[in-house]
PDB file of N, CA and C in Angstrom:
ATOM      1  N   MET A   1      -0.957  10.645  -6.214  1.00  0.00           N
ATOM      2  CA  MET A   1      -2.101  10.250  -7.005  1.00  0.00           C
ATOM      3  C   MET A   1      -2.718  11.499  -7.613  1.00  0.00           C
ATOM      4  N   PRO A   2      -3.001  11.487  -8.923  1.00  0.00           N
ATOM      5  CA  PRO A   2      -3.576  12.667  -9.545  1.00  0.00           C
ATOM      6  C   PRO A   2      -5.003  12.906  -9.093  1.00  0.00           C
ATOM      7  N   GLY A   3      -5.452  14.141  -9.201  1.00  0.00           N
ATOM      8  CA  GLY A   3      -6.818  14.474  -8.840  1.00  0.00           C
ATOM      9  C   GLY A   3      -7.799  13.983  -9.891  1.00  0.00           C
ATOM     10  N   ALA A   4      -9.096  14.117  -9.630  1.00  0.00           N
ATOM     11  CA  ALA A   4     -10.129  13.681 -10.560  1.00  0.00           C
ATOM     12  C   ALA A   4      -9.933  14.370 -11.904  1.00  0.00           C
ATOM     13  N   GLY A   5     -10.035  13.598 -12.972  1.00  0.00           N
ATOM     14  CA  GLY A   5      -9.892  14.151 -14.302  1.00  0.00           C
ATOM     15  C   GLY A   5      -8.458  14.261 -14.783  1.00  0.00           C
ATOM     16  N   ALA A   6      -7.496  14.037 -13.920  1.00  0.00           N
ATOM     17  CA  ALA A   6      -6.085  14.108 -14.305  1.00  0.00           C
ATOM     18  C   ALA A   6      -5.675  12.800 -14.978  1.00  0.00           C
ATOM     19  N   ALA A   7      -4.635  12.865 -15.788  1.00  0.00           N
ATOM     20  CA  ALA A   7      -4.121  11.669 -16.441  1.00  0.00           C
ATOM     21  C   ALA A   7      -3.540  10.726 -15.393  1.00  0.00           C
ATOM     22  N   PRO A   8      -3.735   9.412 -15.584  1.00  0.00           N
ATOM     23  CA  PRO A   8      -3.182   8.476 -14.605  1.00  0.00           C
ATOM     24  C   PRO A   8      -1.656   8.506 -14.599  1.00  0.00           C
ATOM     25  N   VAL A   9      -1.088   8.157 -13.466  1.00  0.00           N
ATOM     26  CA  VAL A   9       0.360   8.064 -13.326  1.00  0.00           C
ATOM     27  C   VAL A   9       0.752   6.644 -13.710  1.00  0.00           C
ATOM     28  N   CYS A  10       1.531   6.508 -14.772  1.00  0.00           N
ATOM     29  CA  CYS A  10       1.927   5.194 -15.280  1.00  0.00           C
ATOM     30  C   CYS A  10       3.439   5.145 -15.480  1.00  0.00           C
ATOM     31  N   GLY A  11       3.975   3.932 -15.455  1.00  0.00           N
ATOM     32  CA  GLY A  11       5.396   3.758 -15.690  1.00  0.00           C
ATOM     33  C   GLY A  11       5.797   2.306 -15.566  1.00  0.00           C
ATOM     34  N   ASP A  12       7.069   2.071 -15.561  1.00  0.00           N
ATOM     35  CA  ASP A  12       7.622   0.738 -15.372  1.00  0.00           C
ATOM     36  C   ASP A  12       7.214   0.220 -13.995  1.00  0.00           C
ATOM     37  N   ARG A  13       6.680  -1.001 -13.927  1.00  0.00           N
ATOM     38  CA  ARG A  13       6.163  -1.545 -12.674  1.00  0.00           C
ATOM     39  C   ARG A  13       7.177  -1.463 -11.544  1.00  0.00           C
ATOM     40  N   GLN A  14       8.383  -1.927 -11.769  1.00  0.00           N
ATOM     41  CA  GLN A  14       9.364  -1.952 -10.687  1.00  0.00           C
ATOM     42  C   GLN A  14       9.711  -0.551 -10.214  1.00  0.00           C
ATOM     43  N   LYS A  15       9.784   0.406 -11.130  1.00  0.00           N
ATOM     44  CA  LYS A  15      10.068   1.786 -10.733  1.00  0.00           C
ATOM     45  C   LYS A  15       8.919   2.371  -9.917  1.00  0.00           C
ATOM     46  N   VAL A  16       7.678   2.065 -10.312  1.00  0.00           N
ATOM     47  CA  VAL A  16       6.515   2.549  -9.559  1.00  0.00           C
ATOM     48  C   VAL A  16       6.529   1.956  -8.154  1.00  0.00           C
ATOM     49  N   ILE A  17       6.751   0.644  -8.049  1.00  0.00           N
ATOM     50  CA  ILE A  17       6.775  -0.020  -6.739  1.00  0.00           C
ATOM     51  C   ILE A  17       7.931   0.498  -5.892  1.00  0.00           C
ATOM     52  N   ASP A  18       9.105   0.674  -6.502  1.00  0.00           N
ATOM     53  CA  ASP A  18      10.248   1.211  -5.754  1.00  0.00           C
ATOM     54  C   ASP A  18       9.949   2.613  -5.227  1.00  0.00           C
ATOM     55  N   GLY A  19       9.279   3.433  -6.043  1.00  0.00           N
ATOM     56  CA  GLY A  19       8.930   4.783  -5.615  1.00  0.00           C
ATOM     57  C   GLY A  19       7.946   4.783  -4.455  1.00  0.00           C
ATOM     58  N   LEU A  20       6.927   3.911  -4.521  1.00  0.00           N
ATOM     59  CA  LEU A  20       5.954   3.817  -3.429  1.00  0.00           C
ATOM     60  C   LEU A  20       6.606   3.290  -2.156  1.00  0.00           C
ATOM     61  N   SER A  21       7.548   2.376  -2.314  1.00  0.00           N
ATOM     62  CA  SER A  21       8.264   1.840  -1.155  1.00  0.00           C
ATOM     63  C   SER A  21       9.123   2.920  -0.506  1.00  0.00           C
ATOM     64  N   ALA A  22       9.840   3.675  -1.331  1.00  0.00           N
ATOM     65  CA  ALA A  22      10.730   4.713  -0.798  1.00  0.00           C
ATOM     66  C   ALA A  22       9.955   5.857  -0.143  1.00  0.00           C
ATOM     67  N   LYS A  23       8.855   6.283  -0.762  1.00  0.00           N
ATOM     68  CA  LYS A  23       8.126   7.451  -0.267  1.00  0.00           C
ATOM     69  C   LYS A  23       7.149   7.120   0.856  1.00  0.00           C
ATOM     70  N   TYR A  24       6.472   5.956   0.755  1.00  0.00           N
ATOM     71  CA  TYR A  24       5.407   5.633   1.714  1.00  0.00           C
ATOM     72  C   TYR A  24       5.630   4.331   2.483  1.00  0.00           C
ATOM     73  N   SER A  25       6.721   3.622   2.221  1.00  0.00           N
ATOM     74  CA  SER A  25       7.001   2.304   2.809  1.00  0.00           C
ATOM     75  C   SER A  25       5.937   1.280   2.427  1.00  0.00           C
ATOM     76  N   GLU A  26       5.311   1.472   1.259  1.00  0.00           N
ATOM     77  CA  GLU A  26       4.284   0.538   0.807  1.00  0.00           C
ATOM     78  C   GLU A  26       4.917  -0.655   0.105  1.00  0.00           C
ATOM     79  N   GLU A  27       4.329  -1.823   0.337  1.00  0.00           N
ATOM     80  CA  GLU A  27       4.762  -3.065  -0.291  1.00  0.00           C
ATOM     81  C   GLU A  27       3.527  -3.820  -0.766  1.00  0.00           C
ATOM     82  N   PRO A  28       3.646  -4.654  -1.824  1.00  0.00           N
ATOM     83  CA  PRO A  28       2.505  -5.438  -2.286  1.00  0.00           C
ATOM     84  C   PRO A  28       2.004  -6.403  -1.202  1.00  0.00           C
ATOM     85  N   VAL A  29       0.666  -6.450  -1.033  1.00  0.00           N
ATOM     86  CA  VAL A  29       0.068  -7.353  -0.042  1.00  0.00           C
ATOM     87  C   VAL A  29      -1.014  -8.242  -0.650  1.00  0.00           C
ATOM     88  N   ALA A  30      -1.464  -7.923  -1.866  1.00  0.00           N
ATOM     89  CA  ALA A  30      -2.478  -8.737  -2.540  1.00  0.00           C
ATOM     90  C   ALA A  30      -2.333  -8.545  -4.041  1.00  0.00           C
ATOM     91  N   VAL A  31      -2.694  -9.583  -4.794  1.00  0.00           N
ATOM     92  CA  VAL A  31      -2.564  -9.525  -6.247  1.00  0.00           C
ATOM     93  C   VAL A  31      -3.666 -10.375  -6.871  1.00  0.00           C
ATOM     94  N   GLY A  32      -4.116  -9.954  -8.057  1.00  0.00           N
ATOM     95  CA  GLY A  32      -5.106 -10.722  -8.802  1.00  0.00           C
ATOM     96  C   GLY A  32      -4.933 -10.474 -10.288  1.00  0.00           C
ATOM     97  N   VAL A  33      -5.380 -11.437 -11.096  1.00  0.00           N
ATOM     98  CA  VAL A  33      -5.290 -11.326 -12.547  1.00  0.00           C
ATOM     99  C   VAL A  33      -6.687 -11.046 -13.091  1.00  0.00           C
ATOM    100  N   THR A  34      -6.801 -10.036 -13.954  1.00  0.00           N
ATOM    101  CA  THR A  34      -8.089  -9.676 -14.535  1.00  0.00           C
ATOM    102  C   THR A  34      -8.399 -10.562 -15.737  1.00  0.00           C
ATOM    103  N   SER A  35      -9.634 -10.504 -16.209  1.00  0.00           N
ATOM    104  CA  SER A  35     -10.050 -11.344 -17.332  1.00  0.00           C
ATOM    105  C   SER A  35      -9.289 -11.034 -18.621  1.00  0.00           C
ATOM    106  N   ASN A  36      -8.734  -9.828 -18.745  1.00  0.00           N
ATOM    107  CA  ASN A  36      -7.969  -9.487 -19.952  1.00  0.00           C
ATOM    108  C   ASN A  36      -6.470  -9.724 -19.785  1.00  0.00           C
ATOM    109  N   GLY A  37      -6.074 -10.330 -18.664  1.00  0.00           N
ATOM    110  CA  GLY A  37      -4.668 -10.644 -18.443  1.00  0.00           C
ATOM    111  C   GLY A  37      -3.878  -9.575 -17.725  1.00  0.00           C
ATOM    112  N   GLY A  38      -4.537  -8.497 -17.336  1.00  0.00           N
ATOM    113  CA  GLY A  38      -3.869  -7.469 -16.542  1.00  0.00           C
ATOM    114  C   GLY A  38      -3.714  -7.935 -15.102  1.00  0.00           C
ATOM    115  N   VAL A  39      -2.908  -7.228 -14.355  1.00  0.00           N
ATOM    116  CA  VAL A  39      -2.660  -7.587 -12.957  1.00  0.00           C
ATOM    117  C   VAL A  39      -3.025  -6.405 -12.062  1.00  0.00           C
ATOM    118  N   ILE A  40      -3.848  -6.670 -11.048  1.00  0.00           N
ATOM    119  CA  ILE A  40      -4.208  -5.673 -10.033  1.00  0.00           C
ATOM    120  C   ILE A  40      -3.414  -6.008  -8.780  1.00  0.00           C
ATOM    121  N   GLU A  41      -2.776  -5.001  -8.189  1.00  0.00           N
ATOM    122  CA  GLU A  41      -2.036  -5.201  -6.941  1.00  0.00           C
ATOM    123  C   GLU A  41      -2.469  -4.167  -5.916  1.00  0.00           C
ATOM    124  N   VAL A  42      -2.556  -4.606  -4.675  1.00  0.00           N
ATOM    125  CA  VAL A  42      -2.773  -3.694  -3.557  1.00  0.00           C
ATOM    126  C   VAL A  42      -1.451  -3.582  -2.824  1.00  0.00           C
ATOM    127  N   LEU A  43      -0.993  -2.356  -2.619  1.00  0.00           N
ATOM    128  CA  LEU A  43       0.211  -2.096  -1.834  1.00  0.00           C
ATOM    129  C   LEU A  43      -0.217  -1.297  -0.619  1.00  0.00           C
ATOM    130  N   LYS A  44       0.402  -1.566   0.515  1.00  0.00           N
ATOM    131  CA  LYS A  44       0.086  -0.772   1.698  1.00  0.00           C
ATOM    132  C   LYS A  44       1.299  -0.650   2.587  1.00  0.00           C
ATOM    133  N   ALA A  45       1.292   0.402   3.387  1.00  0.00           N
ATOM    134  CA  ALA A  45       2.329   0.594   4.393  1.00  0.00           C
ATOM    135  C   ALA A  45       2.080  -0.409   5.513  1.00  0.00           C
ATOM    136  N   PRO A  46       3.128  -0.819   6.244  1.00  0.00           N
ATOM    137  CA  PRO A  46       2.964  -1.816   7.306  1.00  0.00           C
ATOM    138  C   PRO A  46       1.892  -1.459   8.333  1.00  0.00           C
ATOM    139  N   ASP A  47       1.753  -0.174   8.641  1.00  0.00           N
ATOM    140  CA  ASP A  47       0.761   0.240   9.636  1.00  0.00           C
ATOM    141  C   ASP A  47      -0.598   0.538   9.008  1.00  0.00           C
ATOM    142  N   GLY A  48      -0.718   0.374   7.685  1.00  0.00           N
ATOM    143  CA  GLY A  48      -1.971   0.638   6.997  1.00  0.00           C
ATOM    144  C   GLY A  48      -2.274   2.112   6.812  1.00  0.00           C
ATOM    145  N   GLN A  49      -1.337   2.964   7.181  1.00  0.00           N
ATOM    146  CA  GLN A  49      -1.559   4.407   7.093  1.00  0.00           C
ATOM    147  C   GLN A  49      -1.829   4.849   5.655  1.00  0.00           C
ATOM    148  N   THR A  50      -1.115   4.261   4.678  1.00  0.00           N
ATOM    149  CA  THR A  50      -1.352   4.582   3.270  1.00  0.00           C
ATOM    150  C   THR A  50      -1.482   3.294   2.476  1.00  0.00           C
ATOM    151  N   TRP A  51      -2.181   3.394   1.334  1.00  0.00           N
ATOM    152  CA  TRP A  51      -2.347   2.257   0.436  1.00  0.00           C
ATOM    153  C   TRP A  51      -2.483   2.756  -0.997  1.00  0.00           C
ATOM    154  N   THR A  52      -2.199   1.863  -1.954  1.00  0.00           N
ATOM    155  CA  THR A  52      -2.291   2.176  -3.378  1.00  0.00           C
ATOM    156  C   THR A  52      -2.774   0.942  -4.120  1.00  0.00           C
ATOM    157  N   ILE A  53      -3.621   1.154  -5.135  1.00  0.00           N
ATOM    158  CA  ILE A  53      -4.012   0.074  -6.040  1.00  0.00           C
ATOM    159  C   ILE A  53      -3.339   0.355  -7.378  1.00  0.00           C
ATOM    160  N   LEU A  54      -2.628  -0.644  -7.871  1.00  0.00           N
ATOM    161  CA  LEU A  54      -1.822  -0.535  -9.085  1.00  0.00           C
ATOM    162  C   LEU A  54      -2.354  -1.520 -10.121  1.00  0.00           C
ATOM    163  N   PHE A  55      -2.532  -1.062 -11.364  1.00  0.00           N
ATOM    164  CA  PHE A  55      -2.943  -1.946 -12.460  1.00  0.00           C
ATOM    165  C   PHE A  55      -1.818  -2.026 -13.463  1.00  0.00           C
ATOM    166  N   THR A  56      -1.418  -3.251 -13.810  1.00  0.00           N
ATOM    167  CA  THR A  56      -0.392  -3.459 -14.825  1.00  0.00           C
ATOM    168  C   THR A  56      -1.055  -4.069 -16.053  1.00  0.00           C
ATOM    169  N   TYR A  57      -0.951  -3.363 -17.177  1.00  0.00           N
ATOM    170  CA  TYR A  57      -1.527  -3.832 -18.431  1.00  0.00           C
ATOM    171  C   TYR A  57      -0.738  -5.019 -18.964  1.00  0.00           C
ATOM    172  N   PRO A  58      -1.402  -5.914 -19.726  1.00  0.00           N
ATOM    173  CA  PRO A  58      -0.675  -7.035 -20.326  1.00  0.00           C
ATOM    174  C   PRO A  58       0.489  -6.560 -21.201  1.00  0.00           C
ATOM    175  N   SER A  59       0.367  -5.363 -21.781  1.00  0.00           N
ATOM    176  CA  SER A  59       1.426  -4.832 -22.644  1.00  0.00           C
ATOM    177  C   SER A  59       2.590  -4.236 -21.862  1.00  0.00           C
ATOM    178  N   GLY A  60       2.444  -4.121 -20.526  1.00  0.00           N
ATOM    179  CA  GLY A  60       3.586  -3.693 -19.738  1.00  0.00           C
ATOM    180  C   GLY A  60       3.448  -2.540 -18.786  1.00  0.00           C
ATOM    181  N   PRO A  61       2.877  -1.381 -19.180  1.00  0.00           N
ATOM    182  CA  PRO A  61       2.891  -0.268 -18.225  1.00  0.00           C
ATOM    183  C   PRO A  61       2.017  -0.527 -16.999  1.00  0.00           C
ATOM    184  N   SER A  62       2.431   0.032 -15.878  1.00  0.00           N
ATOM    185  CA  SER A  62       1.679  -0.044 -14.623  1.00  0.00           C
ATOM    186  C   SER A  62       1.155   1.345 -14.300  1.00  0.00           C
ATOM    187  N   CYS A  63      -0.113   1.413 -13.872  1.00  0.00           N
ATOM    188  CA  CYS A  63      -0.745   2.707 -13.587  1.00  0.00           C
ATOM    189  C   CYS A  63      -1.367   2.702 -12.199  1.00  0.00           C
ATOM    190  N   LEU A  64      -1.233   3.828 -11.500  1.00  0.00           N
ATOM    191  CA  LEU A  64      -1.887   3.996 -10.209  1.00  0.00           C
ATOM    192  C   LEU A  64      -3.373   4.191 -10.467  1.00  0.00           C
ATOM    193  N   VAL A  65      -4.201   3.369  -9.829  1.00  0.00           N
ATOM    194  CA  VAL A  65      -5.646   3.417 -10.018  1.00  0.00           C
ATOM    195  C   VAL A  65      -6.309   4.184  -8.885  1.00  0.00           C
ATOM    196  N   ALA A  66      -5.841   3.957  -7.669  1.00  0.00           N
ATOM    197  CA  ALA A  66      -6.419   4.609  -6.488  1.00  0.00           C
ATOM    198  C   ALA A  66      -5.388   4.593  -5.375  1.00  0.00           C
ATOM    199  N   SER A  67      -5.542   5.530  -4.443  1.00  0.00           N
ATOM    200  CA  SER A  67      -4.683   5.544  -3.261  1.00  0.00           C
ATOM    201  C   SER A  67      -5.450   6.208  -2.139  1.00  0.00           C
ATOM    202  N   GLY A  68      -5.009   5.960  -0.927  1.00  0.00           N
ATOM    203  CA  GLY A  68      -5.707   6.554   0.197  1.00  0.00           C
ATOM    204  C   GLY A  68      -4.995   6.307   1.508  1.00  0.00           C
ATOM    205  N   GLU A  69      -5.764   6.479   2.575  1.00  0.00           N
ATOM    206  CA  GLU A  69      -5.236   6.346   3.931  1.00  0.00           C
ATOM    207  C   GLU A  69      -6.117   5.403   4.736  1.00  0.00           C
ATOM    208  N   ALA A  70      -5.593   4.964   5.865  1.00  0.00           N
ATOM    209  CA  ALA A  70      -6.329   4.186   6.872  1.00  0.00           C
ATOM    210  C   ALA A  70      -6.887   2.874   6.322  1.00  0.00           C
ATOM    211  N   TRP A  71      -6.033   2.084   5.656  1.00  0.00           N
ATOM    212  CA  TRP A  71      -6.426   0.754   5.181  1.00  0.00           C
ATOM    213  C   TRP A  71      -6.750  -0.116   6.381  1.00  0.00           C
ATOM    214  N   GLN A  72      -7.818  -0.891   6.294  1.00  0.00           N
ATOM    215  CA  GLN A  72      -8.199  -1.794   7.378  1.00  0.00           C
ATOM    216  C   GLN A  72      -8.477  -3.173   6.810  1.00  0.00           C
ATOM    217  N   GLU A  73      -7.957  -4.179   7.468  1.00  0.00           N
ATOM    218  CA  GLU A  73      -8.234  -5.560   7.094  1.00  0.00           C
ATOM    219  C   GLU A  73      -9.577  -5.963   7.690  1.00  0.00           C
ATOM    220  N   LEU A  74     -10.367  -6.730   6.939  1.00  0.00           N
ATOM    221  CA  LEU A  74     -11.622  -7.254   7.459  1.00  0.00           C
ATOM    222  C   LEU A  74     -11.359  -8.594   8.124  1.00  0.00           C
ATOM    223  N   GLU A  75     -12.068  -8.844   9.206  1.00  0.00           N
ATOM    224  CA  GLU A  75     -11.929 -10.133   9.870  1.00  0.00           C
ATOM    225  C   GLU A  75     -12.640 -11.186   9.042  1.00  0.00           C
ATOM    226  N   GLU A  76     -12.027 -12.369   8.953  1.00  0.00           N
ATOM    227  CA  GLU A  76     -12.675 -13.465   8.249  1.00  0.00           C
ATOM    228  C   GLU A  76     -13.849 -13.954   9.076  1.00  0.00           C
ATOM    229  N   LYS A  77     -14.962 -14.207   8.391  1.00  0.00           N
ATOM    230  CA  LYS A  77     -16.121 -14.748   9.083  1.00  0.00           C
ATOM    231  C   LYS A  77     -15.950 -16.252   9.189  1.00  0.00           C
ATOM    232  N   LEU A  78     -16.279 -16.783  10.353  1.00  0.00           N
ATOM    233  CA  LEU A  78     -16.215 -18.220  10.543  1.00  0.00           C
ATOM    234  C   LEU A  78     -17.322 -18.877   9.735  1.00  0.00           C
ATOM    235  N   LYS A  79     -16.974 -19.934   9.034  1.00  0.00           N
ATOM    236  CA  LYS A  79     -17.958 -20.649   8.235  1.00  0.00           C
ATOM    237  C   LYS A  79     -18.349 -21.927   8.965  1.00  0.00           C
ATOM    238  N   GLY A  80     -19.614 -22.077   9.178  1.00  0.00           N
ATOM    239  CA  GLY A  80     -20.113 -23.265   9.859  1.00  0.00           C
ATOM    240  C   GLY A  80     -20.422 -24.374   8.875  1.00  0.00           C
ATOM    241  N   PRO A  81     -20.981 -25.471   9.378  1.00  0.00           N
ATOM    242  CA  PRO A  81     -21.350 -26.601   8.514  1.00  0.00           C
ATOM    243  C   PRO A  81     -22.301 -26.144   7.411  1.00  0.00           C
ATOM    244  N   GLY A  82     -22.080 -26.631   6.217  1.00  0.00           N
ATOM    245  CA  GLY A  82     -22.940 -26.309   5.092  1.00  0.00           C
ATOM    246  C   GLY A  82     -22.649 -24.969   4.452  1.00  0.00           C
ATOM    247  N   ALA A  83     -21.607 -24.303   4.906  1.00  0.00           N
ATOM    248  CA  ALA A  83     -21.305 -22.978   4.343  1.00  0.00           C
ATOM    249  C   ALA A  83     -20.603 -23.104   3.018  1.00  0.00           C
TER     250      ALA A  83
END
């Protein structure tokens, strides 16, 4: 991941995902579509040690948006009556 102020790392989606899988064992675990038709994906290593957020533009290129360490899942809150 580039430092602050550096140009984003972009490329073919499958090549970016293959690279993250090979280097960090990261795989997609969540996906969403933005209002402009882009796709946001969260990739993480099985142990959560590393993670990456990837944005794919409607026109095709995929760019690394953020990355880090120590990903943690939040526990779902139980919803009671009327929730």
